[in-house]
Amino acid sequence: MKRLFLLTILILGQTLANGQTHQTDTAYVNNVYWKRMSTIRTIIPPYFDEQVQVEIKEVLGNSKTPLALGKYNFYQDTISKIFGEYGLPSELQLIALSNTWLENDFNASSGETGMWPLPFYIGVKYGLKINSYVDERKHIIASTRATAKALADLFHIYRDWYFTIAAFSCGPVEMNKAIRMASNSMDYFTVEPFIESSHRKDLSRFMAFLYVTNYFDKHHIAPDNFILPELDTLCTPQTFSLRELATATQTPMSLMLKLNRQYRKQIVPHLPHPHCFTIPKSKTANFNAYLIKLAEEAEQKRIQDSMVRVQKLIDKFRPDSTKYQVLVMDGVLTVLDSAGKKIDPDAPIKTDANGQNATGNRWVFYTVKKGDALYLLSDLFDANLADVKRWNKLRSNTIVRGQRLKFLVPANKYGLYSSINRMSATQKQKLRRKD
């Protein structure tokens, strides 16, 4: 008796581990669909009823079916490999086929996104990046891995493939509610009538695609030849738009969008960490060449900016006729005084009691008048706008009538520049034209 009890427990445990089976109504014993389905070798046991037959006919007559089958054939090995890492049967990939026709840009009105599709909370729970720029629910590999984790967790909860498939669509909360309403039954077909109506047919549709993917040829359906080029995934050292990347790599924009659906604003950010994008492998060399070009342009700009900086310091400190030296020390542009001490190159030069400094420059003061603008005054006094703002501790270009400003001018032209304060608007305009 004890041995019989242990055997019963062992059989029950094996049944729970492999999922329940459903006895198909004998009325369908001669149904051609069921005859074919019953021969399919699959871990998830097939079943057949009137609803499955309706779904099969709908799929067979749908114009989307050839392309969907083409996508299924293309992605099948990739998805099966990921599912295999989590101990999942490969036929579970029919969930994507039955829910979205494997359309990676799918967006449901209820918020689910991607080819599986995944709700927001599932994406976040399983580590997908979802923000205003990135939605990895539309990244095929990342979303498939998140789906595999979710399905593995659901099977761990229900120990039944029918419940797992249905709970993935409607959510475990809704599934648990249906189980309670069915008096805590763990027979899926007892629970199914209590599942939310919008998800009640999900398992039937799954079974329909199980049939169609195995017997499409019996209905004269030819899968489309859906292929993508060999791909490469690259991470960005800076932010790029998808259009810039398409132009730089000579990749059609339509293909760039298809391969990178996860970028909502068509921008690949590099902060707070580098993000990756996908392009044909044959275009990788183009991207690397573009990075080299950008680096060369950045270096040229750095050199040009350095030259401008050097000239400004030379004009300011006049090293050929004063005690100051302008030179590069340890790769940094440096200014030394007569004692060889480093000084701040951006600080104003100290002046004597007469307002004259060691470079032969003097301060000139000007009172702002009606019609004046800071950039016009900078032009009049032959000064750089940034220097004028620094001399007068201005944070913006805004000045007001009556405000007193100072300008550093050559001492030998002090009389000319000081007379500007007494000029009329017409005279100042003539002076600008003369310059």
Protein backbone atom coordinates (compact mmCIF):
# COMPACT_ATOMS: atom_id res chain seq x y z
CA MET A 1 0.00 0.00 0.00
CA LYS A 2 2.84 2.37 0.88
CA ARG A 3 4.58 1.56 -2.40
CA LEU A 4 1.37 2.29 -4.36
CA PHE A 5 1.01 5.65 -2.58
CA LEU A 6 4.58 6.64 -3.47
CA LEU A 7 4.01 5.62 -7.09
CA THR A 8 0.86 7.76 -7.23
CA ILE A 9 2.76 10.78 -5.88
CA LEU A 10 5.55 10.23 -8.43
CA ILE A 11 3.09 10.11 -11.34
CA LEU A 12 1.27 13.22 -10.08
CA GLY A 13 4.56 15.10 -9.73
CA GLN A 14 5.60 14.15 -13.25
CA THR A 15 2.24 15.32 -14.61
CA LEU A 16 2.58 18.70 -12.88
CA ALA A 17 6.14 19.12 -14.11
CA ASN A 18 5.24 18.48 -17.75
CA GLY A 19 1.92 20.33 -17.76
CA GLN A 20 -1.59 18.96 -18.09
CA THR A 21 -3.03 17.28 -21.14
CA HIS A 22 -6.46 17.98 -22.59
CA GLN A 23 -8.68 15.26 -23.95
CA THR A 24 -9.89 16.53 -27.31
CA ASP A 25 -13.58 15.88 -27.95
CA THR A 26 -14.13 12.66 -29.92
CA ALA A 27 -16.29 14.68 -32.31
CA TYR A 28 -13.04 15.93 -33.85
CA VAL A 29 -11.41 12.54 -34.23
CA ASN A 30 -11.77 12.70 -38.01
CA ASN A 31 -11.03 16.45 -38.28
CA VAL A 32 -8.12 16.94 -40.66
CA TYR A 33 -6.68 19.76 -38.58
CA TRP A 34 -6.68 17.67 -35.41
CA LYS A 35 -5.33 14.59 -37.19
CA ARG A 36 -2.30 16.62 -38.24
CA MET A 37 -1.89 18.46 -34.92
CA SER A 38 -1.96 15.23 -32.95
CA THR A 39 1.16 14.05 -34.77
CA ILE A 40 3.22 17.16 -33.92
CA ARG A 41 6.05 16.29 -31.56
CA THR A 42 6.10 19.05 -28.99
CA ILE A 43 6.72 19.47 -25.26
CA ILE A 44 3.57 21.58 -24.96
CA PRO A 45 0.72 19.14 -25.64
CA PRO A 46 -1.58 20.30 -28.45
CA TYR A 47 -5.34 20.36 -28.08
CA PHE A 48 -8.20 21.07 -30.46
CA ASP A 49 -11.71 22.44 -30.18
CA GLU A 50 -14.09 24.65 -32.14
CA GLN A 51 -12.27 27.87 -31.17
CA VAL A 52 -8.89 26.49 -32.28
CA GLN A 53 -10.44 25.57 -35.64
CA VAL A 54 -11.82 29.11 -36.03
CA GLU A 55 -8.39 30.57 -35.24
CA ILE A 56 -6.64 28.23 -37.71
CA LYS A 57 -8.94 29.27 -40.53
CA GLU A 58 -8.46 32.94 -39.68
CA VAL A 59 -4.66 32.63 -39.74
CA LEU A 60 -4.66 30.63 -42.98
CA GLY A 61 -6.76 33.30 -44.67
CA ASN A 62 -4.82 36.30 -43.35
CA SER A 63 -2.58 38.21 -45.78
CA LYS A 64 -0.01 38.73 -42.99
CA THR A 65 0.70 35.03 -42.65
CA PRO A 66 3.39 34.59 -45.36
CA LEU A 67 5.53 37.45 -44.00
CA ALA A 68 4.99 36.30 -40.40
CA LEU A 69 6.13 32.79 -41.33
CA GLY A 70 9.18 34.26 -43.07
CA LYS A 71 10.09 36.18 -39.91
CA TYR A 72 9.45 33.07 -37.81
CA ASN A 73 11.90 31.06 -39.93
CA PHE A 74 14.49 33.84 -39.74
CA TYR A 75 14.36 34.41 -35.97
CA GLN A 76 13.65 30.81 -34.94
CA ASP A 77 17.23 29.71 -34.18
CA THR A 78 18.10 32.91 -32.31
CA ILE A 79 15.02 32.76 -30.08
CA SER A 80 15.33 29.00 -29.50
CA LYS A 81 18.92 29.46 -28.33
CA ILE A 82 17.92 32.10 -25.77
CA PHE A 83 14.92 30.06 -24.57
CA GLY A 84 17.14 27.01 -24.26
CA GLU A 85 19.36 28.89 -21.79
CA TYR A 86 16.33 29.09 -19.47
CA GLY A 87 15.11 25.52 -20.03
CA LEU A 88 12.11 26.63 -22.12
CA PRO A 89 10.65 24.70 -25.08
CA SER A 90 11.31 26.41 -28.39
CA GLU A 91 7.62 26.36 -29.39
CA LEU A 92 6.96 29.10 -26.83
CA GLN A 93 8.21 31.54 -29.45
CA LEU A 94 4.79 31.10 -31.05
CA ILE A 95 3.62 33.58 -28.39
CA ALA A 96 5.18 36.40 -30.40
CA LEU A 97 3.74 35.05 -33.62
CA SER A 98 0.23 34.70 -32.20
CA ASN A 99 0.21 38.08 -30.43
CA THR A 100 1.91 40.46 -32.88
CA TRP A 101 2.75 38.52 -36.06
CA LEU A 102 6.39 39.08 -35.00
CA GLU A 103 6.06 42.82 -35.66
CA ASN A 104 8.79 44.43 -33.56
CA ASP A 105 7.28 47.93 -33.78
CA PHE A 106 3.95 46.73 -32.33
CA ASN A 107 2.26 49.11 -29.87
CA ALA A 108 -0.90 48.04 -28.05
CA SER A 109 -3.46 50.59 -26.90
CA SER A 110 -3.05 49.17 -23.37
CA GLY A 111 0.70 49.94 -23.39
CA GLU A 112 2.31 46.62 -24.31
CA THR A 113 5.14 47.11 -26.77
CA GLY A 114 7.44 45.06 -28.99
CA MET A 115 6.97 41.77 -30.78
CA TRP A 116 6.16 39.72 -27.65
CA PRO A 117 4.64 42.24 -26.49
CA LEU A 118 5.74 43.31 -23.00
CA PRO A 119 4.00 45.67 -20.56
CA PHE A 120 6.06 48.38 -18.88
CA TYR A 121 6.30 46.69 -15.48
CA ILE A 122 7.57 43.41 -16.97
CA GLY A 123 10.23 45.25 -18.97
CA VAL A 124 11.46 47.10 -15.89
CA LYS A 125 11.27 43.99 -13.69
CA TYR A 126 13.55 42.05 -16.01
CA GLY A 127 16.12 44.77 -16.56
CA LEU A 128 15.11 46.47 -19.81
CA LYS A 129 15.94 50.15 -20.25
CA ILE A 130 12.73 52.13 -20.74
CA ASN A 131 12.83 55.94 -20.70
CA SER A 132 12.04 58.89 -22.94
CA TYR A 133 14.90 57.98 -25.30
CA VAL A 134 15.17 54.19 -25.15
CA ASP A 135 12.63 51.38 -25.03
CA GLU A 136 14.41 48.02 -25.12
CA ARG A 137 11.08 46.20 -25.41
CA LYS A 138 11.65 46.84 -29.13
CA HIS A 139 15.18 45.43 -29.04
CA ILE A 140 14.76 41.88 -30.31
CA ILE A 141 17.55 40.20 -28.32
CA ALA A 142 17.04 42.15 -25.06
CA SER A 143 13.25 41.74 -25.11
CA THR A 144 13.52 38.02 -25.95
CA ARG A 145 15.82 37.47 -22.98
CA ALA A 146 13.41 39.37 -20.70
CA THR A 147 10.53 37.28 -22.07
CA ALA A 148 12.44 34.07 -21.38
CA LYS A 149 12.99 35.13 -17.76
CA ALA A 150 9.31 36.01 -17.36
CA LEU A 151 8.12 32.70 -18.85
CA ALA A 152 10.53 30.71 -16.67
CA ASP A 153 9.19 32.47 -13.58
CA LEU A 154 5.57 31.87 -14.62
CA PHE A 155 6.20 28.18 -15.20
CA HIS A 156 7.85 27.98 -11.79
CA ILE A 157 4.61 29.39 -10.32
CA TYR A 158 2.02 27.35 -12.24
CA ARG A 159 3.98 24.23 -13.29
CA ASP A 160 1.78 24.07 -16.39
CA TRP A 161 2.43 25.33 -19.92
CA TYR A 162 -1.19 26.25 -20.65
CA PHE A 163 -1.34 28.44 -17.55
CA THR A 164 2.12 29.87 -18.36
CA ILE A 165 1.12 30.92 -21.88
CA ALA A 166 -2.16 32.46 -20.76
CA ALA A 167 -0.64 34.19 -17.71
CA PHE A 168 2.07 35.73 -19.89
CA SER A 169 -0.67 37.48 -21.88
CA CYS A 170 -3.14 38.42 -19.16
CA GLY A 171 -0.69 38.72 -16.24
CA PRO A 172 -0.34 36.58 -13.10
CA VAL A 173 -2.70 38.83 -11.10
CA GLU A 174 -5.54 38.29 -13.56
CA MET A 175 -4.72 34.57 -13.78
CA ASN A 176 -4.76 34.13 -9.99
CA LYS A 177 -8.08 35.94 -9.85
CA ALA A 178 -9.52 33.55 -12.44
CA ILE A 179 -8.22 30.53 -10.51
CA ARG A 180 -9.93 31.74 -7.34
CA MET A 181 -13.19 32.28 -9.23
CA ALA A 182 -12.89 28.70 -10.52
CA SER A 183 -12.82 27.42 -6.92
CA ASN A 184 -9.02 27.19 -6.98
CA SER A 185 -9.07 24.64 -9.76
CA MET A 186 -5.73 23.95 -11.46
CA ASP A 187 -7.38 22.59 -14.59
CA TYR A 188 -6.82 25.26 -17.24
CA PHE A 189 -10.06 24.59 -19.12
CA THR A 190 -12.03 24.99 -15.90
CA VAL A 191 -10.30 28.32 -15.27
CA GLU A 192 -10.39 29.66 -18.85
CA PRO A 193 -14.03 30.94 -18.77
CA PHE A 194 -13.07 33.21 -15.84
CA ILE A 195 -10.10 34.82 -17.62
CA GLU A 196 -10.65 38.35 -18.90
CA SER A 197 -12.44 38.13 -22.24
CA SER A 198 -9.72 39.95 -24.20
CA HIS A 199 -7.22 37.19 -23.26
CA ARG A 200 -9.54 34.17 -23.26
CA LYS A 201 -8.62 33.13 -26.79
CA ASP A 202 -4.82 33.52 -26.43
CA LEU A 203 -4.12 29.82 -25.94
CA SER A 204 -6.44 28.86 -28.83
CA ARG A 205 -4.55 31.25 -31.09
CA PHE A 206 -1.25 29.79 -29.87
CA MET A 207 -2.49 26.33 -30.91
CA ALA A 208 -3.60 27.71 -34.28
CA PHE A 209 -0.08 28.93 -34.99
CA LEU A 210 1.33 25.61 -33.79
CA TYR A 211 -0.69 24.03 -36.59
CA VAL A 212 0.07 26.66 -39.25
CA THR A 213 3.86 26.69 -38.69
CA ASN A 214 3.92 22.92 -39.21
CA TYR A 215 1.38 22.50 -42.02
CA PHE A 216 1.32 25.78 -43.99
CA ASP A 217 2.46 23.89 -47.10
CA LYS A 218 -0.71 21.77 -47.00
CA HIS A 219 -2.64 24.98 -47.64
CA HIS A 220 -0.42 26.26 -50.45
CA ILE A 221 1.11 29.01 -48.34
CA ALA A 222 4.73 29.94 -49.03
CA PRO A 223 6.61 31.88 -46.34
CA ASP A 224 8.14 35.13 -47.54
CA ASN A 225 11.89 35.16 -47.96
CA PHE A 226 12.50 37.44 -44.99
CA ILE A 227 16.22 38.02 -44.46
CA LEU A 228 18.44 40.59 -42.83
CA PRO A 229 22.12 41.13 -43.62
CA GLU A 230 24.78 39.89 -41.21
CA LEU A 231 24.62 42.37 -38.36
CA ASP A 232 27.04 44.03 -35.98
CA THR A 233 26.32 45.80 -32.69
CA LEU A 234 28.39 48.89 -31.91
CA CYS A 235 28.43 51.17 -28.88
CA THR A 236 28.61 54.94 -29.26
CA PRO A 237 31.36 57.12 -27.74
CA GLN A 238 29.07 60.11 -28.19
CA THR A 239 25.43 60.88 -28.93
CA PHE A 240 24.32 60.31 -32.53
CA SER A 241 21.03 60.55 -34.35
CA LEU A 242 20.00 57.52 -36.38
CA ARG A 243 19.93 59.70 -39.49
CA GLU A 244 23.54 60.80 -38.90
CA LEU A 245 24.57 57.17 -38.45
CA ALA A 246 22.65 56.13 -41.57
CA THR A 247 24.42 58.83 -43.60
CA ALA A 248 27.86 58.11 -42.13
CA THR A 249 27.63 54.34 -42.66
CA GLN A 250 25.80 54.57 -46.00
CA THR A 251 22.93 52.49 -44.60
CA PRO A 252 19.36 53.11 -45.85
CA MET A 253 17.38 55.01 -43.23
CA SER A 254 14.52 52.51 -43.46
CA LEU A 255 16.89 49.67 -42.52
CA MET A 256 18.50 51.73 -39.75
CA LEU A 257 15.07 52.30 -38.21
CA LYS A 258 14.10 48.65 -38.58
CA LEU A 259 17.26 47.50 -36.78
CA ASN A 260 17.00 50.07 -33.97
CA ARG A 261 13.33 50.30 -33.04
CA GLN A 262 14.23 50.76 -29.36
CA TYR A 263 15.25 54.41 -29.84
CA ARG A 264 12.05 56.39 -29.46
CA LYS A 265 13.42 59.76 -30.63
CA GLN A 266 15.76 58.23 -33.21
CA ILE A 267 18.69 59.33 -31.02
CA VAL A 268 21.37 56.98 -29.67
CA PRO A 269 22.55 58.57 -26.39
CA HIS A 270 25.93 57.92 -24.74
CA LEU A 271 25.04 59.15 -21.26
CA PRO A 272 24.78 58.05 -18.48
CA HIS A 273 26.53 55.15 -20.23
CA PRO A 274 27.19 54.24 -23.87
CA HIS A 275 24.25 52.76 -25.77
CA CYS A 276 24.59 50.35 -28.66
CA PHE A 277 23.03 50.29 -32.10
CA THR A 278 22.84 47.69 -34.85
CA ILE A 279 23.99 48.05 -38.45
CA PRO A 280 24.90 45.62 -41.25
CA LYS A 281 28.33 44.17 -40.56
CA SER A 282 29.49 45.33 -43.98
CA LYS A 283 28.98 48.93 -42.79
CA THR A 284 31.12 48.65 -39.64
CA ALA A 285 34.22 49.92 -41.43
CA ASN A 286 32.27 53.01 -42.54
CA PHE A 287 31.37 53.79 -38.92
CA ASN A 288 34.97 53.37 -37.76
CA ALA A 289 36.13 55.68 -40.56
CA TYR A 290 33.52 58.23 -39.48
CA LEU A 291 34.84 58.14 -35.91
CA ILE A 292 38.36 58.79 -37.21
CA LYS A 293 37.08 61.72 -39.25
CA LEU A 294 35.30 63.19 -36.21
CA ALA A 295 38.47 62.80 -34.12
CA GLU A 296 40.54 64.59 -36.78
CA GLU A 297 38.01 67.43 -36.98
CA ALA A 298 38.00 67.75 -33.18
CA GLU A 299 41.80 67.92 -33.15
CA GLN A 300 41.83 70.59 -35.87
CA LYS A 301 39.32 72.64 -33.90
CA ARG A 302 41.42 72.24 -30.76
CA ILE A 303 44.48 73.50 -32.62
CA GLN A 304 42.57 76.46 -34.09
CA ASP A 305 41.15 77.36 -30.67
CA SER A 306 44.65 77.14 -29.19
CA MET A 307 46.02 79.48 -31.86
CA VAL A 308 43.28 81.99 -31.15
CA ARG A 309 43.99 81.70 -27.44
CA VAL A 310 47.72 82.27 -27.99
CA GLN A 311 47.09 85.36 -30.10
CA LYS A 312 44.75 86.81 -27.46
CA LEU A 313 47.39 86.35 -24.75
CA ILE A 314 50.08 87.88 -26.95
CA ASP A 315 47.85 90.88 -27.67
CA LYS A 316 47.10 91.22 -23.98
CA PHE A 317 50.58 90.77 -22.44
CA ARG A 318 52.79 91.93 -25.36
CA PRO A 319 55.71 89.60 -24.45
CA ASP A 320 57.98 91.20 -27.09
CA SER A 321 57.99 94.59 -25.28
CA THR A 322 57.09 93.78 -21.65
CA LYS A 323 58.32 91.63 -18.79
CA TYR A 324 55.72 88.91 -19.42
CA GLN A 325 56.36 85.57 -21.16
CA VAL A 326 53.74 83.49 -22.98
CA LEU A 327 54.80 79.85 -23.41
CA VAL A 328 53.67 76.24 -23.16
CA MET A 329 54.64 74.38 -19.98
CA ASP A 330 53.70 70.70 -19.51
CA GLY A 331 51.27 70.98 -22.39
CA VAL A 332 49.48 73.98 -20.87
CA LEU A 333 49.54 77.55 -22.20
CA THR A 334 51.14 79.57 -19.41
CA VAL A 335 51.98 83.21 -18.64
CA LEU A 336 55.04 84.07 -16.48
CA ASP A 337 55.90 87.44 -14.95
CA SER A 338 59.43 88.91 -14.72
CA ALA A 339 60.19 86.74 -11.67
CA GLY A 340 59.22 83.58 -13.57
CA LYS A 341 56.05 83.15 -11.49
CA LYS A 342 52.89 81.79 -13.10
CA ILE A 343 49.99 84.22 -13.23
CA ASP A 344 46.35 83.85 -14.12
CA PRO A 345 46.17 84.70 -17.85
CA ASP A 346 42.50 85.67 -17.57
CA ALA A 347 42.92 88.06 -14.64
CA PRO A 348 43.05 91.83 -15.39
CA ILE A 349 46.58 93.26 -15.49
CA LYS A 350 47.40 95.40 -12.49
CA THR A 351 47.64 99.11 -13.23
CA ASP A 352 49.61 101.92 -11.58
CA ALA A 353 48.18 105.11 -10.07
CA ASN A 354 47.78 106.64 -13.55
CA GLY A 355 45.73 103.69 -14.78
CA GLN A 356 48.61 102.39 -16.93
CA ASN A 357 49.66 98.73 -16.76
CA ALA A 358 52.84 96.82 -17.61
CA THR A 359 51.67 96.10 -21.16
CA GLY A 360 51.22 99.79 -21.97
CA ASN A 361 47.41 99.57 -21.72
CA ARG A 362 45.02 101.82 -19.84
CA TRP A 363 41.45 101.64 -18.64
CA VAL A 364 38.89 103.82 -20.41
CA PHE A 365 35.46 104.36 -18.90
CA TYR A 366 32.23 104.72 -20.83
CA THR A 367 28.66 105.53 -19.75
CA VAL A 368 25.97 103.54 -21.58
CA LYS A 369 23.62 105.68 -23.65
CA LYS A 370 20.34 105.11 -25.46
CA GLY A 371 20.76 102.75 -28.43
CA ASP A 372 23.99 101.18 -27.17
CA ALA A 373 24.53 97.42 -27.28
CA LEU A 374 27.40 95.52 -25.73
CA TYR A 375 28.54 93.95 -28.98
CA LEU A 376 28.57 97.40 -30.68
CA LEU A 377 30.63 98.90 -27.86
CA SER A 378 33.05 95.97 -28.05
CA ASP A 379 33.49 96.76 -31.72
CA LEU A 380 34.04 100.47 -31.01
CA PHE A 381 36.73 99.77 -28.44
CA ASP A 382 38.33 97.00 -30.52
CA ALA A 383 37.80 94.52 -27.70
CA ASN A 384 36.63 90.94 -27.51
CA LEU A 385 33.04 90.60 -26.23
CA ALA A 386 34.04 87.90 -23.74
CA ASP A 387 36.83 90.13 -22.36
CA VAL A 388 34.44 93.06 -21.98
CA LYS A 389 32.02 90.89 -20.01
CA ARG A 390 34.86 89.64 -17.81
CA TRP A 391 36.27 93.15 -17.18
CA ASN A 392 32.82 94.37 -16.11
CA LYS A 393 31.70 91.16 -14.37
CA LEU A 394 28.69 90.77 -16.65
CA ARG A 395 26.85 87.45 -16.88
CA SER A 396 24.91 88.37 -20.01
CA ASN A 397 24.99 90.86 -22.87
CA THR A 398 22.34 93.03 -21.24
CA ILE A 399 23.33 96.62 -20.39
CA VAL A 400 21.19 99.57 -19.26
CA ARG A 401 21.30 103.28 -19.88
CA GLY A 402 23.55 105.09 -17.40
CA GLN A 403 25.61 101.96 -16.62
CA ARG A 404 29.39 102.60 -16.37
CA LEU A 405 31.64 100.23 -18.28
CA LYS A 406 35.44 99.99 -18.54
CA PHE A 407 37.60 98.94 -21.48
CA LEU A 408 41.30 98.09 -21.60
CA VAL A 409 42.90 99.98 -24.52
CA PRO A 410 46.47 100.70 -25.70
CA ALA A 411 47.92 103.65 -23.76
CA ASN A 412 49.11 105.34 -26.96
CA LYS A 413 45.47 105.47 -28.17
CA TYR A 414 43.95 106.51 -24.87
CA GLY A 415 42.83 109.93 -26.19
CA LEU A 416 40.97 108.39 -29.16
CA TYR A 417 39.12 105.80 -27.11
CA SER A 418 38.30 108.17 -24.25
CA SER A 419 36.63 110.56 -26.72
CA ILE A 420 34.08 107.88 -27.62
CA ASN A 421 32.25 108.61 -24.38
CA ARG A 422 31.46 112.14 -25.68
CA MET A 423 30.42 111.11 -29.19
CA SER A 424 26.87 111.23 -30.51
CA ALA A 425 25.18 108.16 -31.95
CA THR A 426 25.89 109.42 -35.49
CA GLN A 427 29.58 109.93 -34.74
CA LYS A 428 29.90 106.46 -33.24
CA GLN A 429 28.22 104.96 -36.29
CA LYS A 430 30.68 106.74 -38.60
CA LEU A 431 33.58 105.47 -36.48
CA ARG A 432 32.35 101.90 -36.80
CA ARG A 433 32.02 102.27 -40.55
CA LYS A 434 35.53 103.68 -40.73
CA ASP A 435 36.88 100.64 -38.90
